[in-house]
Amino acid sequence: MQKVGVKALYSRRQEIKERMMHYNAACRRDMRLSDLRLRREESDKPVQPTANEYAFIGSEFECDLTDPSVVDLLVELENEIRNEQMIELYEEAQNQDWEAYYFHLCSP
């Protein structure tokens, strides 16, 4: 089976970003659940980390994870996701302030 290169991955950029976001959300949920389970059991066993963060992308999109340019692209996409989420959080916080200011100006 031939692995997909960087050029082919660029065409599926948005799809990969969405998949990464779903995967990260699932990982956060799983970590919370496992943390709760550990606390409930009062166990000393550590949670096993994922061996390869991008293995799910490699298998789903058939890309070569040993190629540094592919890994660079995936890291770039993950950073882009983080930046977009930070901007969304900032805009949500600022939007509430502007709405309050607007209502203050409109009130008699």
N, C-alpha and C. Protein backbone atom coordinates (compact mmCIF):
# COMPACT_ATOMS: atom_id res chain seq x y z
N MET A 1 0.84 -1.17 0.00
CA MET A 1 0.00 0.00 0.00
C MET A 1 0.89 1.24 0.00
N GLN A 2 0.64 2.17 -0.92
CA GLN A 2 1.44 3.37 -1.04
C GLN A 2 0.94 4.42 -0.06
N LYS A 3 1.88 5.09 0.59
CA LYS A 3 1.53 6.13 1.55
C LYS A 3 1.31 7.45 0.83
N VAL A 4 0.43 8.27 1.39
CA VAL A 4 0.10 9.57 0.81
C VAL A 4 1.14 10.58 1.25
N GLY A 5 1.54 11.47 0.35
CA GLY A 5 2.53 12.50 0.66
C GLY A 5 1.90 13.79 1.13
N VAL A 6 2.75 14.78 1.35
CA VAL A 6 2.31 16.07 1.88
C VAL A 6 1.37 16.78 0.91
N LYS A 7 1.67 16.75 -0.37
CA LYS A 7 0.83 17.45 -1.34
C LYS A 7 -0.61 16.93 -1.31
N ALA A 8 -0.77 15.63 -1.21
CA ALA A 8 -2.11 15.06 -1.14
C ALA A 8 -2.79 15.41 0.18
N LEU A 9 -2.01 15.51 1.25
CA LEU A 9 -2.59 15.86 2.55
C LEU A 9 -3.08 17.31 2.58
N TYR A 10 -2.39 18.20 1.87
CA TYR A 10 -2.83 19.59 1.82
C TYR A 10 -4.24 19.71 1.26
N SER A 11 -4.59 18.86 0.31
CA SER A 11 -5.93 18.92 -0.27
C SER A 11 -6.99 18.45 0.73
N ARG A 12 -6.60 17.67 1.71
CA ARG A 12 -7.55 17.17 2.72
C ARG A 12 -7.31 17.85 4.07
N ARG A 13 -6.73 19.03 4.03
CA ARG A 13 -6.33 19.77 5.23
C ARG A 13 -7.49 19.97 6.21
N GLN A 14 -8.64 20.46 5.73
CA GLN A 14 -9.77 20.73 6.61
C GLN A 14 -10.30 19.44 7.24
N GLU A 15 -10.35 18.39 6.46
CA GLU A 15 -10.83 17.09 6.97
C GLU A 15 -9.90 16.57 8.07
N ILE A 16 -8.60 16.74 7.88
CA ILE A 16 -7.63 16.29 8.89
C ILE A 16 -7.78 17.13 10.15
N LYS A 17 -7.96 18.46 10.01
CA LYS A 17 -8.15 19.32 11.18
C LYS A 17 -9.38 18.91 11.98
N GLU A 18 -10.48 18.65 11.27
CA GLU A 18 -11.70 18.23 11.96
C GLU A 18 -11.49 16.92 12.69
N ARG A 19 -10.80 15.99 12.06
CA ARG A 19 -10.54 14.69 12.69
C ARG A 19 -9.66 14.86 13.91
N MET A 20 -8.64 15.74 13.83
CA MET A 20 -7.77 16.00 14.98
C MET A 20 -8.58 16.60 16.13
N MET A 21 -9.49 17.52 15.81
CA MET A 21 -10.30 18.14 16.86
C MET A 21 -11.19 17.10 17.54
N HIS A 22 -11.80 16.21 16.76
CA HIS A 22 -12.62 15.15 17.35
C HIS A 22 -11.77 14.22 18.21
N TYR A 23 -10.59 13.88 17.71
CA TYR A 23 -9.70 12.99 18.45
C TYR A 23 -9.25 13.64 19.76
N ASN A 24 -8.88 14.92 19.71
CA ASN A 24 -8.44 15.61 20.92
C ASN A 24 -9.56 15.72 21.94
N ALA A 25 -10.78 15.99 21.46
CA ALA A 25 -11.92 16.05 22.37
C ALA A 25 -12.17 14.69 23.02
N ALA A 26 -12.06 13.64 22.24
CA ALA A 26 -12.25 12.29 22.78
C ALA A 26 -11.15 11.95 23.79
N CYS A 27 -9.92 12.36 23.49
CA CYS A 27 -8.81 12.10 24.43
C CYS A 27 -9.02 12.85 25.74
N ARG A 28 -9.46 14.12 25.65
CA ARG A 28 -9.72 14.89 26.87
C ARG A 28 -10.82 14.23 27.69
N ARG A 29 -11.89 13.78 27.02
CA ARG A 29 -12.99 13.12 27.72
C ARG A 29 -12.50 11.83 28.37
N ASP A 30 -11.72 11.05 27.62
CA ASP A 30 -11.19 9.80 28.17
C ASP A 30 -10.27 10.05 29.35
N MET A 31 -9.45 11.11 29.25
CA MET A 31 -8.55 11.43 30.37
C MET A 31 -9.35 11.83 31.61
N ARG A 32 -10.40 12.62 31.41
CA ARG A 32 -11.24 13.01 32.55
C ARG A 32 -11.89 11.79 33.18
N LEU A 33 -12.43 10.92 32.33
CA LEU A 33 -13.09 9.72 32.84
C LEU A 33 -12.11 8.80 33.55
N SER A 34 -10.93 8.62 32.97
CA SER A 34 -9.95 7.75 33.62
C SER A 34 -9.45 8.38 34.91
N ASP A 35 -9.33 9.71 34.92
CA ASP A 35 -8.90 10.39 36.14
C ASP A 35 -9.96 10.21 37.24
N LEU A 36 -11.22 10.35 36.86
CA LEU A 36 -12.28 10.13 37.84
C LEU A 36 -12.29 8.69 38.34
N ARG A 37 -12.10 7.76 37.41
CA ARG A 37 -12.07 6.35 37.79
C ARG A 37 -10.92 6.08 38.76
N LEU A 38 -9.76 6.65 38.44
CA LEU A 38 -8.60 6.46 39.32
C LEU A 38 -8.85 7.04 40.70
N ARG A 39 -9.46 8.19 40.72
CA ARG A 39 -9.74 8.81 42.03
C ARG A 39 -10.75 7.99 42.82
N ARG A 40 -11.74 7.47 42.11
CA ARG A 40 -12.75 6.66 42.80
C ARG A 40 -12.14 5.38 43.36
N GLU A 41 -11.27 4.78 42.59
CA GLU A 41 -10.65 3.54 43.04
C GLU A 41 -9.50 3.79 44.01
N GLU A 42 -9.06 5.04 44.10
CA GLU A 42 -7.89 5.41 44.92
C GLU A 42 -6.72 4.49 44.61
N SER A 43 -6.48 4.36 43.33
CA SER A 43 -5.43 3.47 42.85
C SER A 43 -4.14 4.24 42.65
N ASP A 44 -3.01 3.53 42.72
CA ASP A 44 -1.71 4.12 42.47
C ASP A 44 -1.22 3.85 41.06
N LYS A 45 -2.05 3.23 40.23
CA LYS A 45 -1.63 2.90 38.88
C LYS A 45 -1.64 4.15 38.01
N PRO A 46 -0.56 4.41 37.26
CA PRO A 46 -0.55 5.58 36.37
C PRO A 46 -1.34 5.32 35.09
N VAL A 47 -1.83 6.38 34.49
CA VAL A 47 -2.53 6.28 33.21
C VAL A 47 -1.49 6.14 32.11
N GLN A 48 -1.68 5.18 31.22
CA GLN A 48 -0.73 4.95 30.13
C GLN A 48 -0.93 5.99 29.03
N PRO A 49 0.11 6.74 28.66
CA PRO A 49 -0.03 7.72 27.59
C PRO A 49 -0.07 7.04 26.22
N THR A 50 -0.57 7.74 25.23
CA THR A 50 -0.61 7.24 23.87
C THR A 50 0.79 7.18 23.31
N ALA A 51 1.14 6.07 22.66
CA ALA A 51 2.49 5.90 22.13
C ALA A 51 2.78 6.87 21.00
N ASN A 52 1.86 7.01 20.08
CA ASN A 52 2.07 7.90 18.95
C ASN A 52 0.84 8.77 18.77
N GLU A 53 1.00 10.07 18.95
CA GLU A 53 -0.13 10.99 18.90
C GLU A 53 -0.83 11.01 17.54
N TYR A 54 -0.10 10.77 16.48
CA TYR A 54 -0.67 10.89 15.14
C TYR A 54 -0.93 9.55 14.47
N ALA A 55 -0.91 8.47 15.21
CA ALA A 55 -1.13 7.15 14.61
C ALA A 55 -2.52 7.05 13.98
N PHE A 56 -3.51 7.66 14.60
CA PHE A 56 -4.87 7.59 14.05
C PHE A 56 -4.95 8.32 12.71
N ILE A 57 -4.20 9.41 12.55
CA ILE A 57 -4.18 10.13 11.27
C ILE A 57 -3.46 9.29 10.23
N GLY A 58 -2.35 8.67 10.64
CA GLY A 58 -1.58 7.84 9.71
C GLY A 58 -2.40 6.69 9.16
N SER A 59 -3.19 6.06 10.02
CA SER A 59 -3.99 4.92 9.55
C SER A 59 -5.22 5.38 8.78
N GLU A 60 -5.84 6.46 9.21
CA GLU A 60 -7.07 6.90 8.56
C GLU A 60 -6.81 7.56 7.20
N PHE A 61 -5.74 8.35 7.10
CA PHE A 61 -5.46 9.07 5.86
C PHE A 61 -4.31 8.44 5.07
N GLU A 62 -3.82 7.30 5.53
CA GLU A 62 -2.77 6.54 4.86
C GLU A 62 -1.56 7.40 4.51
N CYS A 63 -1.04 8.13 5.50
CA CYS A 63 0.14 8.95 5.27
C CYS A 63 1.34 8.34 5.99
N ASP A 64 2.52 8.70 5.52
CA ASP A 64 3.77 8.16 6.05
C ASP A 64 4.23 9.02 7.23
N LEU A 65 4.06 8.51 8.44
CA LEU A 65 4.42 9.27 9.63
C LEU A 65 5.92 9.30 9.88
N THR A 66 6.69 8.56 9.10
CA THR A 66 8.15 8.63 9.23
C THR A 66 8.72 9.76 8.38
N ASP A 67 7.90 10.34 7.51
CA ASP A 67 8.33 11.47 6.69
C ASP A 67 8.25 12.75 7.53
N PRO A 68 9.38 13.43 7.73
CA PRO A 68 9.38 14.64 8.56
C PRO A 68 8.45 15.74 8.05
N SER A 69 8.29 15.85 6.74
CA SER A 69 7.41 16.89 6.20
C SER A 69 5.94 16.60 6.53
N VAL A 70 5.57 15.33 6.58
CA VAL A 70 4.20 14.97 6.96
C VAL A 70 3.97 15.30 8.44
N VAL A 71 4.92 14.96 9.28
CA VAL A 71 4.80 15.26 10.71
C VAL A 71 4.77 16.77 10.92
N ASP A 72 5.60 17.52 10.18
CA ASP A 72 5.58 18.98 10.28
C ASP A 72 4.20 19.53 9.92
N LEU A 73 3.60 18.99 8.87
CA LEU A 73 2.26 19.42 8.47
C LEU A 73 1.25 19.15 9.58
N LEU A 74 1.32 17.98 10.19
CA LEU A 74 0.37 17.63 11.25
C LEU A 74 0.56 18.52 12.47
N VAL A 75 1.80 18.82 12.80
CA VAL A 75 2.07 19.73 13.93
C VAL A 75 1.55 21.13 13.60
N GLU A 76 1.77 21.55 12.36
CA GLU A 76 1.27 22.86 11.92
C GLU A 76 -0.25 22.92 12.01
N LEU A 77 -0.92 21.86 11.60
CA LEU A 77 -2.38 21.81 11.69
C LEU A 77 -2.86 21.86 13.14
N GLU A 78 -2.16 21.16 14.00
CA GLU A 78 -2.54 21.16 15.41
C GLU A 78 -2.35 22.56 16.03
N ASN A 79 -1.27 23.23 15.67
CA ASN A 79 -1.06 24.60 16.15
C ASN A 79 -2.12 25.54 15.59
N GLU A 80 -2.51 25.33 14.35
CA GLU A 80 -3.56 26.14 13.74
C GLU A 80 -4.88 25.95 14.49
N ILE A 81 -5.18 24.72 14.86
CA ILE A 81 -6.40 24.43 15.63
C ILE A 81 -6.36 25.17 16.97
N ARG A 82 -5.22 25.09 17.66
CA ARG A 82 -5.09 25.78 18.95
C ARG A 82 -5.29 27.28 18.80
N ASN A 83 -4.67 27.86 17.77
CA ASN A 83 -4.80 29.30 17.55
C ASN A 83 -6.24 29.69 17.25
N GLU A 84 -6.93 28.91 16.43
CA GLU A 84 -8.33 29.19 16.12
C GLU A 84 -9.19 29.11 17.38
N GLN A 85 -8.93 28.12 18.23
CA GLN A 85 -9.71 27.99 19.46
C GLN A 85 -9.43 29.15 20.41
N MET A 86 -8.18 29.61 20.48
CA MET A 86 -7.86 30.76 21.33
C MET A 86 -8.55 32.02 20.82
N ILE A 87 -8.57 32.21 19.50
CA ILE A 87 -9.24 33.37 18.93
C ILE A 87 -10.74 33.30 19.21
N GLU A 88 -11.34 32.12 19.08
CA GLU A 88 -12.77 31.97 19.37
C GLU A 88 -13.06 32.30 20.83
N LEU A 89 -12.23 31.81 21.75
CA LEU A 89 -12.44 32.11 23.17
C LEU A 89 -12.32 33.61 23.43
N TYR A 90 -11.32 34.24 22.82
CA TYR A 90 -11.12 35.68 22.99
C TYR A 90 -12.31 36.46 22.45
N GLU A 91 -12.77 36.09 21.24
CA GLU A 91 -13.90 36.79 20.64
C GLU A 91 -15.18 36.61 21.46
N GLU A 92 -15.39 35.42 22.01
CA GLU A 92 -16.56 35.20 22.85
C GLU A 92 -16.51 36.09 24.08
N ALA A 93 -15.34 36.18 24.70
CA ALA A 93 -15.20 37.01 25.90
C ALA A 93 -15.39 38.48 25.56
N GLN A 94 -14.82 38.93 24.45
CA GLN A 94 -14.94 40.33 24.06
C GLN A 94 -16.36 40.66 23.62
N ASN A 95 -17.03 39.73 22.98
CA ASN A 95 -18.38 39.95 22.50
C ASN A 95 -19.32 40.24 23.66
N GLN A 96 -19.18 39.55 24.76
CA GLN A 96 -20.02 39.78 25.92
C GLN A 96 -19.79 41.18 26.47
N ASP A 97 -18.54 41.64 26.50
CA ASP A 97 -18.24 42.98 26.98
C ASP A 97 -18.85 44.04 26.07
N TRP A 98 -18.77 43.84 24.76
CA TRP A 98 -19.34 44.80 23.83
C TRP A 98 -20.85 44.84 23.93
N GLU A 99 -21.48 43.69 24.12
CA GLU A 99 -22.94 43.66 24.27
C GLU A 99 -23.36 44.41 25.53
N ALA A 100 -22.66 44.21 26.62
CA ALA A 100 -22.98 44.91 27.86
C ALA A 100 -22.79 46.42 27.67
N TYR A 101 -21.72 46.81 27.00
CA TYR A 101 -21.47 48.23 26.73
C TYR A 101 -22.56 48.82 25.85
N TYR A 102 -22.96 48.08 24.82
CA TYR A 102 -24.01 48.54 23.91
C TYR A 102 -25.33 48.72 24.66
N PHE A 103 -25.70 47.73 25.48
CA PHE A 103 -26.95 47.84 26.23
C PHE A 103 -26.89 48.98 27.24
N HIS A 104 -25.71 49.24 27.78
CA HIS A 104 -25.54 50.36 28.71
C HIS A 104 -25.78 51.68 27.98
N LEU A 105 -25.26 51.79 26.75
CA LEU A 105 -25.45 53.02 25.97
C LEU A 105 -26.90 53.19 25.54
N CYS A 106 -27.59 52.10 25.27
CA CYS A 106 -28.97 52.17 24.80
C CYS A 106 -29.97 52.41 25.92
N SER A 107 -29.59 52.12 27.13
CA SER A 107 -30.54 52.29 28.24
C SER A 107 -30.69 53.78 28.56
N PRO A 108 -31.93 54.21 28.87
CA PRO A 108 -32.17 55.64 29.15
C PRO A 108 -31.63 56.08 30.48
